[in-house]
Amino acid sequence: MSNTEVEDTIKRLSANKYVQAVLIVNKEGQTIKSTLDESLSKKYSDLITKLVDQTIHVIREMDDEENKTNDLSFLRVRTKKHEILVAPDTDYLLIVIQDPEKS
């Protein structure tokens, strides 16, 4: 995906009135792009990357021993304050945080 396509995707997602933040994070948890300030971007990137890593571990542990091919394709976590949507890719995570009351 080109840089222009990434920017267009972030703008399109951010245009939704219920979206509070959009982040693109590498697999090490480093923020590549974000609509948040630097400190919140780092906090959310670190926490959500850990959550994704743990979720992947759980999914693989649930797989049978001989065929550990199951993988995470999408993660959705809904709390009273946030709804966190994560679309993992090979090298990056696309994270969208939105208002759960309006989504």
PDB file of N, CA and C in Angstrom:
ATOM      1  N   MET A   1       0.845  -1.173   0.000  1.00  0.00           N
ATOM      2  CA  MET A   1       0.000   0.000   0.000  1.00  0.00           C
ATOM      3  C   MET A   1       0.891   1.236   0.000  1.00  0.00           C
ATOM      4  N   SER A   2       0.624   2.156  -0.891  1.00  0.00           N
ATOM      5  CA  SER A   2       1.448   3.358  -0.987  1.00  0.00           C
ATOM      6  C   SER A   2       1.118   4.321   0.155  1.00  0.00           C
ATOM      7  N   ASN A   3       2.008   5.276   0.371  1.00  0.00           N
ATOM      8  CA  ASN A   3       1.820   6.272   1.420  1.00  0.00           C
ATOM      9  C   ASN A   3       0.539   7.071   1.188  1.00  0.00           C
ATOM     10  N   THR A   4       0.245   7.374  -0.066  1.00  0.00           N
ATOM     11  CA  THR A   4      -0.974   8.109  -0.405  1.00  0.00           C
ATOM     12  C   THR A   4      -2.212   7.295  -0.054  1.00  0.00           C
ATOM     13  N   GLU A   5      -2.176   5.999  -0.345  1.00  0.00           N
ATOM     14  CA  GLU A   5      -3.308   5.127  -0.013  1.00  0.00           C
ATOM     15  C   GLU A   5      -3.501   5.034   1.498  1.00  0.00           C
ATOM     16  N   VAL A   6      -2.403   4.998   2.227  1.00  0.00           N
ATOM     17  CA  VAL A   6      -2.474   4.951   3.689  1.00  0.00           C
ATOM     18  C   VAL A   6      -3.120   6.227   4.212  1.00  0.00           C
ATOM     19  N   GLU A   7      -2.651   7.364   3.728  1.00  0.00           N
ATOM     20  CA  GLU A   7      -3.208   8.656   4.148  1.00  0.00           C
ATOM     21  C   GLU A   7      -4.689   8.753   3.804  1.00  0.00           C
ATOM     22  N   ASP A   8      -5.060   8.310   2.612  1.00  0.00           N
ATOM     23  CA  ASP A   8      -6.467   8.331   2.196  1.00  0.00           C
ATOM     24  C   ASP A   8      -7.325   7.445   3.096  1.00  0.00           C
ATOM     25  N   THR A   9      -6.807   6.287   3.458  1.00  0.00           N
ATOM     26  CA  THR A   9      -7.535   5.374   4.341  1.00  0.00           C
ATOM     27  C   THR A   9      -7.734   6.002   5.714  1.00  0.00           C
ATOM     28  N   ILE A  10      -6.694   6.613   6.245  1.00  0.00           N
ATOM     29  CA  ILE A  10      -6.797   7.272   7.551  1.00  0.00           C
ATOM     30  C   ILE A  10      -7.817   8.402   7.496  1.00  0.00           C
ATOM     31  N   LYS A  11      -7.783   9.200   6.443  1.00  0.00           N
ATOM     32  CA  LYS A  11      -8.744  10.304   6.295  1.00  0.00           C
ATOM     33  C   LYS A  11     -10.169   9.781   6.188  1.00  0.00           C
ATOM     34  N   ARG A  12     -10.347   8.723   5.414  1.00  0.00           N
ATOM     35  CA  ARG A  12     -11.687   8.155   5.223  1.00  0.00           C
ATOM     36  C   ARG A  12     -12.236   7.611   6.543  1.00  0.00           C
ATOM     37  N   LEU A  13     -11.410   6.883   7.276  1.00  0.00           N
ATOM     38  CA  LEU A  13     -11.846   6.347   8.564  1.00  0.00           C
ATOM     39  C   LEU A  13     -12.109   7.466   9.573  1.00  0.00           C
ATOM     40  N   SER A  14     -11.247   8.451   9.599  1.00  0.00           N
ATOM     41  CA  SER A  14     -11.381   9.565  10.539  1.00  0.00           C
ATOM     42  C   SER A  14     -12.607  10.420  10.252  1.00  0.00           C
ATOM     43  N   ALA A  15     -13.080  10.389   9.024  1.00  0.00           N
ATOM     44  CA  ALA A  15     -14.252  11.184   8.648  1.00  0.00           C
ATOM     45  C   ALA A  15     -15.528  10.670   9.309  1.00  0.00           C
ATOM     46  N   ASN A  16     -15.519   9.417   9.750  1.00  0.00           N
ATOM     47  CA  ASN A  16     -16.677   8.871  10.453  1.00  0.00           C
ATOM     48  C   ASN A  16     -16.792   9.579  11.800  1.00  0.00           C
ATOM     49  N   LYS A  17     -17.945  10.144  12.088  1.00  0.00           N
ATOM     50  CA  LYS A  17     -18.096  10.969  13.288  1.00  0.00           C
ATOM     51  C   LYS A  17     -17.935  10.194  14.595  1.00  0.00           C
ATOM     52  N   TYR A  18     -18.013   8.876  14.551  1.00  0.00           N
ATOM     53  CA  TYR A  18     -17.872   8.074  15.761  1.00  0.00           C
ATOM     54  C   TYR A  18     -16.441   7.606  16.002  1.00  0.00           C
ATOM     55  N   VAL A  19     -15.593   7.769  15.017  1.00  0.00           N
ATOM     56  CA  VAL A  19     -14.194   7.355  15.151  1.00  0.00           C
ATOM     57  C   VAL A  19     -13.439   8.394  15.972  1.00  0.00           C
ATOM     58  N   GLN A  20     -12.795   7.923  17.026  1.00  0.00           N
ATOM     59  CA  GLN A  20     -12.028   8.794  17.910  1.00  0.00           C
ATOM     60  C   GLN A  20     -10.546   8.823  17.554  1.00  0.00           C
ATOM     61  N   ALA A  21     -10.056   7.733  16.966  1.00  0.00           N
ATOM     62  CA  ALA A  21      -8.632   7.662  16.623  1.00  0.00           C
ATOM     63  C   ALA A  21      -8.389   6.567  15.602  1.00  0.00           C
ATOM     64  N   VAL A  22      -7.347   6.787  14.798  1.00  0.00           N
ATOM     65  CA  VAL A  22      -6.867   5.779  13.853  1.00  0.00           C
ATOM     66  C   VAL A  22      -5.358   5.705  14.029  1.00  0.00           C
ATOM     67  N   LEU A  23      -4.850   4.480  14.170  1.00  0.00           N
ATOM     68  CA  LEU A  23      -3.411   4.278  14.320  1.00  0.00           C
ATOM     69  C   LEU A  23      -2.949   3.178  13.381  1.00  0.00           C
ATOM     70  N   ILE A  24      -1.749   3.339  12.878  1.00  0.00           N
ATOM     71  CA  ILE A  24      -1.068   2.267  12.165  1.00  0.00           C
ATOM     72  C   ILE A  24       0.204   2.003  12.956  1.00  0.00           C
ATOM     73  N   VAL A  25       0.356   0.748  13.354  1.00  0.00           N
ATOM     74  CA  VAL A  25       1.424   0.356  14.266  1.00  0.00           C
ATOM     75  C   VAL A  25       2.177  -0.813  13.654  1.00  0.00           C
ATOM     76  N   ASN A  26       3.517  -0.815  13.795  1.00  0.00           N
ATOM     77  CA  ASN A  26       4.250  -1.986  13.312  1.00  0.00           C
ATOM     78  C   ASN A  26       4.173  -3.099  14.349  1.00  0.00           C
ATOM     79  N   LYS A  27       4.680  -4.268  14.010  1.00  0.00           N
ATOM     80  CA  LYS A  27       4.558  -5.439  14.888  1.00  0.00           C
ATOM     81  C   LYS A  27       5.335  -5.286  16.200  1.00  0.00           C
ATOM     82  N   GLU A  28       6.267  -4.342  16.247  1.00  0.00           N
ATOM     83  CA  GLU A  28       7.021  -4.089  17.474  1.00  0.00           C
ATOM     84  C   GLU A  28       6.299  -3.104  18.383  1.00  0.00           C
ATOM     85  N   GLY A  29       5.152  -2.599  17.945  1.00  0.00           N
ATOM     86  CA  GLY A  29       4.381  -1.668  18.759  1.00  0.00           C
ATOM     87  C   GLY A  29       4.722  -0.211  18.544  1.00  0.00           C
ATOM     88  N   GLN A  30       5.526   0.080  17.535  1.00  0.00           N
ATOM     89  CA  GLN A  30       5.888   1.468  17.247  1.00  0.00           C
ATOM     90  C   GLN A  30       4.833   2.098  16.343  1.00  0.00           C
ATOM     91  N   THR A  31       4.408   3.300  16.709  1.00  0.00           N
ATOM     92  CA  THR A  31       3.400   4.004  15.928  1.00  0.00           C
ATOM     93  C   THR A  31       4.011   4.510  14.627  1.00  0.00           C
ATOM     94  N   ILE A  32       3.376   4.173  13.518  1.00  0.00           N
ATOM     95  CA  ILE A  32       3.810   4.644  12.207  1.00  0.00           C
ATOM     96  C   ILE A  32       3.023   5.897  11.823  1.00  0.00           C
ATOM     97  N   LYS A  33       1.710   5.830  11.991  1.00  0.00           N
ATOM     98  CA  LYS A  33       0.814   6.966  11.725  1.00  0.00           C
ATOM     99  C   LYS A  33      -0.246   6.970  12.808  1.00  0.00           C
ATOM    100  N   SER A  34      -0.706   8.164  13.181  1.00  0.00           N
ATOM    101  CA  SER A  34      -1.743   8.250  14.197  1.00  0.00           C
ATOM    102  C   SER A  34      -2.460   9.586  14.118  1.00  0.00           C
ATOM    103  N   THR A  35      -3.721   9.571  14.518  1.00  0.00           N
ATOM    104  CA  THR A  35      -4.485  10.809  14.618  1.00  0.00           C
ATOM    105  C   THR A  35      -4.480  11.331  16.055  1.00  0.00           C
ATOM    106  N   LEU A  36      -3.761  10.655  16.941  1.00  0.00           N
ATOM    107  CA  LEU A  36      -3.657  11.054  18.344  1.00  0.00           C
ATOM    108  C   LEU A  36      -2.352  11.794  18.594  1.00  0.00           C
ATOM    109  N   ASP A  37      -2.261  12.449  19.760  1.00  0.00           N
ATOM    110  CA  ASP A  37      -0.990  13.061  20.123  1.00  0.00           C
ATOM    111  C   ASP A  37       0.017  11.955  20.448  1.00  0.00           C
ATOM    112  N   GLU A  38       1.272  12.333  20.537  1.00  0.00           N
ATOM    113  CA  GLU A  38       2.354  11.352  20.656  1.00  0.00           C
ATOM    114  C   GLU A  38       2.247  10.459  21.895  1.00  0.00           C
ATOM    115  N   SER A  39       1.920  11.045  23.046  1.00  0.00           N
ATOM    116  CA  SER A  39       1.875  10.235  24.271  1.00  0.00           C
ATOM    117  C   SER A  39       0.726   9.228  24.250  1.00  0.00           C
ATOM    118  N   LEU A  40      -0.448   9.633  23.790  1.00  0.00           N
ATOM    119  CA  LEU A  40      -1.570   8.692  23.689  1.00  0.00           C
ATOM    120  C   LEU A  40      -1.309   7.648  22.609  1.00  0.00           C
ATOM    121  N   SER A  41      -0.696   8.056  21.520  1.00  0.00           N
ATOM    122  CA  SER A  41      -0.357   7.104  20.460  1.00  0.00           C
ATOM    123  C   SER A  41       0.548   6.013  20.995  1.00  0.00           C
ATOM    124  N   LYS A  42       1.572   6.412  21.744  1.00  0.00           N
ATOM    125  CA  LYS A  42       2.505   5.427  22.310  1.00  0.00           C
ATOM    126  C   LYS A  42       1.790   4.502  23.289  1.00  0.00           C
ATOM    127  N   LYS A  43       0.977   5.079  24.164  1.00  0.00           N
ATOM    128  CA  LYS A  43       0.247   4.279  25.153  1.00  0.00           C
ATOM    129  C   LYS A  43      -0.654   3.253  24.472  1.00  0.00           C
ATOM    130  N   TYR A  44      -1.485   3.708  23.533  1.00  0.00           N
ATOM    131  CA  TYR A  44      -2.412   2.803  22.855  1.00  0.00           C
ATOM    132  C   TYR A  44      -1.669   1.786  21.996  1.00  0.00           C
ATOM    133  N   SER A  45      -0.620   2.223  21.316  1.00  0.00           N
ATOM    134  CA  SER A  45       0.161   1.298  20.487  1.00  0.00           C
ATOM    135  C   SER A  45       0.746   0.173  21.326  1.00  0.00           C
ATOM    136  N   ASP A  46       1.351   0.531  22.449  1.00  0.00           N
ATOM    137  CA  ASP A  46       1.951  -0.475  23.337  1.00  0.00           C
ATOM    138  C   ASP A  46       0.900  -1.452  23.867  1.00  0.00           C
ATOM    139  N   LEU A  47      -0.181  -0.907  24.395  1.00  0.00           N
ATOM    140  CA  LEU A  47      -1.206  -1.755  25.013  1.00  0.00           C
ATOM    141  C   LEU A  47      -1.909  -2.651  24.000  1.00  0.00           C
ATOM    142  N   ILE A  48      -2.285  -2.088  22.876  1.00  0.00           N
ATOM    143  CA  ILE A  48      -3.038  -2.872  21.893  1.00  0.00           C
ATOM    144  C   ILE A  48      -2.144  -3.905  21.217  1.00  0.00           C
ATOM    145  N   THR A  49      -0.877  -3.581  20.994  1.00  0.00           N
ATOM    146  CA  THR A  49       0.051  -4.565  20.433  1.00  0.00           C
ATOM    147  C   THR A  49       0.202  -5.758  21.379  1.00  0.00           C
ATOM    148  N   LYS A  50       0.304  -5.483  22.675  1.00  0.00           N
ATOM    149  CA  LYS A  50       0.382  -6.573  23.663  1.00  0.00           C
ATOM    150  C   LYS A  50      -0.892  -7.410  23.647  1.00  0.00           C
ATOM    151  N   LEU A  51      -2.041  -6.752  23.548  1.00  0.00           N
ATOM    152  CA  LEU A  51      -3.317  -7.467  23.490  1.00  0.00           C
ATOM    153  C   LEU A  51      -3.390  -8.365  22.257  1.00  0.00           C
ATOM    154  N   VAL A  52      -2.970  -7.847  21.115  1.00  0.00           N
ATOM    155  CA  VAL A  52      -2.978  -8.628  19.873  1.00  0.00           C
ATOM    156  C   VAL A  52      -2.025  -9.816  19.987  1.00  0.00           C
ATOM    157  N   ASP A  53      -0.824  -9.583  20.500  1.00  0.00           N
ATOM    158  CA  ASP A  53       0.143 -10.677  20.660  1.00  0.00           C
ATOM    159  C   ASP A  53      -0.417 -11.782  21.556  1.00  0.00           C
ATOM    160  N   GLN A  54      -1.035 -11.392  22.660  1.00  0.00           N
ATOM    161  CA  GLN A  54      -1.610 -12.379  23.576  1.00  0.00           C
ATOM    162  C   GLN A  54      -2.783 -13.110  22.927  1.00  0.00           C
ATOM    163  N   THR A  55      -3.597 -12.396  22.172  1.00  0.00           N
ATOM    164  CA  THR A  55      -4.728 -13.013  21.475  1.00  0.00           C
ATOM    165  C   THR A  55      -4.242 -14.034  20.453  1.00  0.00           C
ATOM    166  N   ILE A  56      -3.203 -13.689  19.707  1.00  0.00           N
ATOM    167  CA  ILE A  56      -2.624 -14.626  18.735  1.00  0.00           C
ATOM    168  C   ILE A  56      -2.122 -15.878  19.456  1.00  0.00           C
ATOM    169  N   HIS A  57      -1.464 -15.684  20.581  1.00  0.00           N
ATOM    170  CA  HIS A  57      -0.971 -16.821  21.368  1.00  0.00           C
ATOM    171  C   HIS A  57      -2.127 -17.732  21.798  1.00  0.00           C
ATOM    172  N   VAL A  58      -3.199 -17.145  22.295  1.00  0.00           N
ATOM    173  CA  VAL A  58      -4.363 -17.931  22.734  1.00  0.00           C
ATOM    174  C   VAL A  58      -4.969 -18.697  21.567  1.00  0.00           C
ATOM    175  N   ILE A  59      -5.125 -18.042  20.429  1.00  0.00           N
ATOM    176  CA  ILE A  59      -5.703 -18.696  19.245  1.00  0.00           C
ATOM    177  C   ILE A  59      -4.853 -19.886  18.825  1.00  0.00           C
ATOM    178  N   ARG A  60      -3.554 -19.710  18.818  1.00  0.00           N
ATOM    179  CA  ARG A  60      -2.668 -20.808  18.415  1.00  0.00           C
ATOM    180  C   ARG A  60      -2.667 -21.943  19.431  1.00  0.00           C
ATOM    181  N   GLU A  61      -2.787 -21.612  20.703  1.00  0.00           N
ATOM    182  CA  GLU A  61      -2.854 -22.645  21.737  1.00  0.00           C
ATOM    183  C   GLU A  61      -4.152 -23.440  21.648  1.00  0.00           C
ATOM    184  N   MET A  62      -5.203 -22.812  21.172  1.00  0.00           N
ATOM    185  CA  MET A  62      -6.484 -23.500  21.022  1.00  0.00           C
ATOM    186  C   MET A  62      -6.474 -24.459  19.835  1.00  0.00           C
ATOM    187  N   ASP A  63      -5.578 -24.212  18.883  1.00  0.00           N
ATOM    188  CA  ASP A  63      -5.443 -25.090  17.723  1.00  0.00           C
ATOM    189  C   ASP A  63      -4.904 -26.445  18.168  1.00  0.00           C
ATOM    190  N   ASP A  64      -5.170 -27.469  17.386  1.00  0.00           N
ATOM    191  CA  ASP A  64      -4.619 -28.772  17.748  1.00  0.00           C
ATOM    192  C   ASP A  64      -3.101 -28.761  17.572  1.00  0.00           C
ATOM    193  N   GLU A  65      -2.441 -29.642  18.272  1.00  0.00           N
ATOM    194  CA  GLU A  65      -0.977 -29.664  18.313  1.00  0.00           C
ATOM    195  C   GLU A  65      -0.322 -29.892  16.955  1.00  0.00           C
ATOM    196  N   GLU A  66      -0.958 -30.651  16.099  1.00  0.00           N
ATOM    197  CA  GLU A  66      -0.354 -31.003  14.819  1.00  0.00           C
ATOM    198  C   GLU A  66      -0.565 -29.949  13.739  1.00  0.00           C
ATOM    199  N   ASN A  67      -1.536 -29.094  13.926  1.00  0.00           N
ATOM    200  CA  ASN A  67      -1.905 -28.183  12.848  1.00  0.00           C
ATOM    201  C   ASN A  67      -2.151 -26.778  13.382  1.00  0.00           C
ATOM    202  N   LYS A  68      -1.114 -26.111  13.818  1.00  0.00           N
ATOM    203  CA  LYS A  68      -1.249 -24.763  14.360  1.00  0.00           C
ATOM    204  C   LYS A  68      -1.236 -23.736  13.226  1.00  0.00           C
ATOM    205  N   THR A  69      -2.309 -23.714  12.459  1.00  0.00           N
ATOM    206  CA  THR A  69      -2.391 -22.810  11.310  1.00  0.00           C
ATOM    207  C   THR A  69      -3.404 -21.694  11.504  1.00  0.00           C
ATOM    208  N   ASN A  70      -4.187 -21.761  12.573  1.00  0.00           N
ATOM    209  CA  ASN A  70      -5.186 -20.737  12.810  1.00  0.00           C
ATOM    210  C   ASN A  70      -4.489 -19.420  13.135  1.00  0.00           C
ATOM    211  N   ASP A  71      -5.063 -18.312  12.690  1.00  0.00           N
ATOM    212  CA  ASP A  71      -4.445 -17.019  12.932  1.00  0.00           C
ATOM    213  C   ASP A  71      -5.519 -15.967  13.143  1.00  0.00           C
ATOM    214  N   LEU A  72      -5.132 -14.858  13.718  1.00  0.00           N
ATOM    215  CA  LEU A  72      -6.044 -13.753  13.982  1.00  0.00           C
ATOM    216  C   LEU A  72      -6.308 -12.984  12.697  1.00  0.00           C
ATOM    217  N   SER A  73      -7.576 -12.792  12.357  1.00  0.00           N
ATOM    218  CA  SER A  73      -7.907 -12.015  11.163  1.00  0.00           C
ATOM    219  C   SER A  73      -8.522 -10.665  11.516  1.00  0.00           C
ATOM    220  N   PHE A  74      -9.154 -10.554  12.690  1.00  0.00           N
ATOM    221  CA  PHE A  74      -9.747  -9.290  13.123  1.00  0.00           C
ATOM    222  C   PHE A  74     -10.022  -9.391  14.614  1.00  0.00           C
ATOM    223  N   LEU A  75      -9.844  -8.283  15.323  1.00  0.00           N
ATOM    224  CA  LEU A  75     -10.092  -8.261  16.760  1.00  0.00           C
ATOM    225  C   LEU A  75     -10.975  -7.062  17.086  1.00  0.00           C
ATOM    226  N   ARG A  76     -12.020  -7.320  17.849  1.00  0.00           N
ATOM    227  CA  ARG A  76     -12.937  -6.252  18.260  1.00  0.00           C
ATOM    228  C   ARG A  76     -13.135  -6.365  19.764  1.00  0.00           C
ATOM    229  N   VAL A  77     -12.850  -5.272  20.472  1.00  0.00           N
ATOM    230  CA  VAL A  77     -13.019  -5.226  21.918  1.00  0.00           C
ATOM    231  C   VAL A  77     -13.913  -4.032  22.229  1.00  0.00           C
ATOM    232  N   ARG A  78     -14.991  -4.301  22.928  1.00  0.00           N
ATOM    233  CA  ARG A  78     -15.948  -3.242  23.253  1.00  0.00           C
ATOM    234  C   ARG A  78     -15.985  -3.054  24.769  1.00  0.00           C
ATOM    235  N   THR A  79     -15.752  -1.820  25.209  1.00  0.00           N
ATOM    236  CA  THR A  79     -15.844  -1.464  26.620  1.00  0.00           C
ATOM    237  C   THR A  79     -16.878  -0.348  26.755  1.00  0.00           C
ATOM    238  N   LYS A  80     -17.069   0.132  27.958  1.00  0.00           N
ATOM    239  CA  LYS A  80     -18.014   1.238  28.145  1.00  0.00           C
ATOM    240  C   LYS A  80     -17.520   2.526  27.489  1.00  0.00           C
ATOM    241  N   LYS A  81     -16.204   2.712  27.451  1.00  0.00           N
ATOM    242  CA  LYS A  81     -15.640   3.957  26.930  1.00  0.00           C
ATOM    243  C   LYS A  81     -15.186   3.883  25.478  1.00  0.00           C
ATOM    244  N   HIS A  82     -14.759   2.704  25.027  1.00  0.00           N
ATOM    245  CA  HIS A  82     -14.176   2.583  23.692  1.00  0.00           C
ATOM    246  C   HIS A  82     -14.602   1.293  23.014  1.00  0.00           C
ATOM    247  N   GLU A  83     -14.598   1.339  21.715  1.00  0.00           N
ATOM    248  CA  GLU A  83     -14.650   0.115  20.926  1.00  0.00           C
ATOM    249  C   GLU A  83     -13.362   0.110  20.116  1.00  0.00           C
ATOM    250  N   ILE A  84     -12.569  -0.929  20.295  1.00  0.00           N
ATOM    251  CA  ILE A  84     -11.266  -1.028  19.646  1.00  0.00           C
ATOM    252  C   ILE A  84     -11.367  -2.071  18.543  1.00  0.00           C
ATOM    253  N   LEU A  85     -11.049  -1.658  17.336  1.00  0.00           N
ATOM    254  CA  LEU A  85     -11.083  -2.539  16.172  1.00  0.00           C
ATOM    255  C   LEU A  85      -9.664  -2.673  15.654  1.00  0.00           C
ATOM    256  N   VAL A  86      -9.207  -3.906  15.482  1.00  0.00           N
ATOM    257  CA  VAL A  86      -7.841  -4.140  15.024  1.00  0.00           C
ATOM    258  C   VAL A  86      -7.864  -5.070  13.820  1.00  0.00           C
ATOM    259  N   ALA A  87      -7.271  -4.600  12.731  1.00  0.00           N
ATOM    260  CA  ALA A  87      -7.104  -5.419  11.533  1.00  0.00           C
ATOM    261  C   ALA A  87      -5.609  -5.677  11.366  1.00  0.00           C
ATOM    262  N   PRO A  88      -5.155  -6.879  11.727  1.00  0.00           N
ATOM    263  CA  PRO A  88      -3.728  -7.177  11.602  1.00  0.00           C
ATOM    264  C   PRO A  88      -3.348  -7.521  10.163  1.00  0.00           C
ATOM    265  N   ASP A  89      -2.156  -7.120   9.789  1.00  0.00           N
ATOM    266  CA  ASP A  89      -1.581  -7.461   8.497  1.00  0.00           C
ATOM    267  C   ASP A  89      -0.250  -8.143   8.791  1.00  0.00           C
ATOM    268  N   THR A  90       0.480  -8.504   7.773  1.00  0.00           N
ATOM    269  CA  THR A  90       1.752  -9.190   7.967  1.00  0.00           C
ATOM    270  C   THR A  90       2.721  -8.365   8.811  1.00  0.00           C
ATOM    271  N   ASP A  91       2.851  -7.082   8.500  1.00  0.00           N
ATOM    272  CA  ASP A  91       3.837  -6.240   9.174  1.00  0.00           C
ATOM    273  C   ASP A  91       3.243  -5.151  10.055  1.00  0.00           C
ATOM    274  N   TYR A  92       1.947  -4.885   9.914  1.00  0.00           N
ATOM    275  CA  TYR A  92       1.337  -3.748  10.595  1.00  0.00           C
ATOM    276  C   TYR A  92      -0.009  -4.111  11.202  1.00  0.00           C
ATOM    277  N   LEU A  93      -0.447  -3.252  12.125  1.00  0.00           N
ATOM    278  CA  LEU A  93      -1.794  -3.335  12.678  1.00  0.00           C
ATOM    279  C   LEU A  93      -2.515  -2.038  12.330  1.00  0.00           C
ATOM    280  N   LEU A  94      -3.724  -2.147  11.829  1.00  0.00           N
ATOM    281  CA  LEU A  94      -4.586  -0.982  11.650  1.00  0.00           C
ATOM    282  C   LEU A  94      -5.528  -0.981  12.840  1.00  0.00           C
ATOM    283  N   ILE A  95      -5.483   0.091  13.619  1.00  0.00           N
ATOM    284  CA  ILE A  95      -6.280   0.186  14.839  1.00  0.00           C
ATOM    285  C   ILE A  95      -7.237   1.363  14.708  1.00  0.00           C
ATOM    286  N   VAL A  96      -8.506   1.105  14.974  1.00  0.00           N
ATOM    287  CA  VAL A  96      -9.513   2.158  14.987  1.00  0.00           C
ATOM    288  C   VAL A  96     -10.163   2.137  16.359  1.00  0.00           C
ATOM    289  N   ILE A  97     -10.242   3.301  16.973  1.00  0.00           N
ATOM    290  CA  ILE A  97     -10.906   3.428  18.265  1.00  0.00           C
ATOM    291  C   ILE A  97     -12.118   4.317  18.051  1.00  0.00           C
ATOM    292  N   GLN A  98     -13.281   3.799  18.461  1.00  0.00           N
ATOM    293  CA  GLN A  98     -14.501   4.570  18.245  1.00  0.00           C
ATOM    294  C   GLN A  98     -15.374   4.574  19.489  1.00  0.00           C
ATOM    295  N   ASP A  99     -16.371   5.436  19.467  1.00  0.00           N
ATOM    296  CA  ASP A  99     -17.324   5.568  20.556  1.00  0.00           C
ATOM    297  C   ASP A  99     -18.290   4.390  20.510  1.00  0.00           C
ATOM    298  N   PRO A 100     -18.348   3.567  21.562  1.00  0.00           N
ATOM    299  CA  PRO A 100     -19.209   2.378  21.519  1.00  0.00           C
ATOM    300  C   PRO A 100     -20.696   2.707  21.586  1.00  0.00           C
ATOM    301  N   GLU A 101     -21.036   3.858  22.108  1.00  0.00           N
ATOM    302  CA  GLU A 101     -22.441   4.236  22.232  1.00  0.00           C
ATOM    303  C   GLU A 101     -23.063   4.591  20.893  1.00  0.00           C
ATOM    304  N   LYS A 102     -22.233   4.980  19.956  1.00  0.00           N
ATOM    305  CA  LYS A 102     -22.752   5.467  18.690  1.00  0.00           C
ATOM    306  C   LYS A 102     -22.417   4.574  17.513  1.00  0.00           C
ATOM    307  N   SER A 103     -21.698   3.502  17.773  1.00  0.00           N
ATOM    308  CA  SER A 103     -21.288   2.627  16.671  1.00  0.00           C
ATOM    309  C   SER A 103     -22.291   1.523  16.432  1.00  0.00           C
TER     310      SER A 103
END
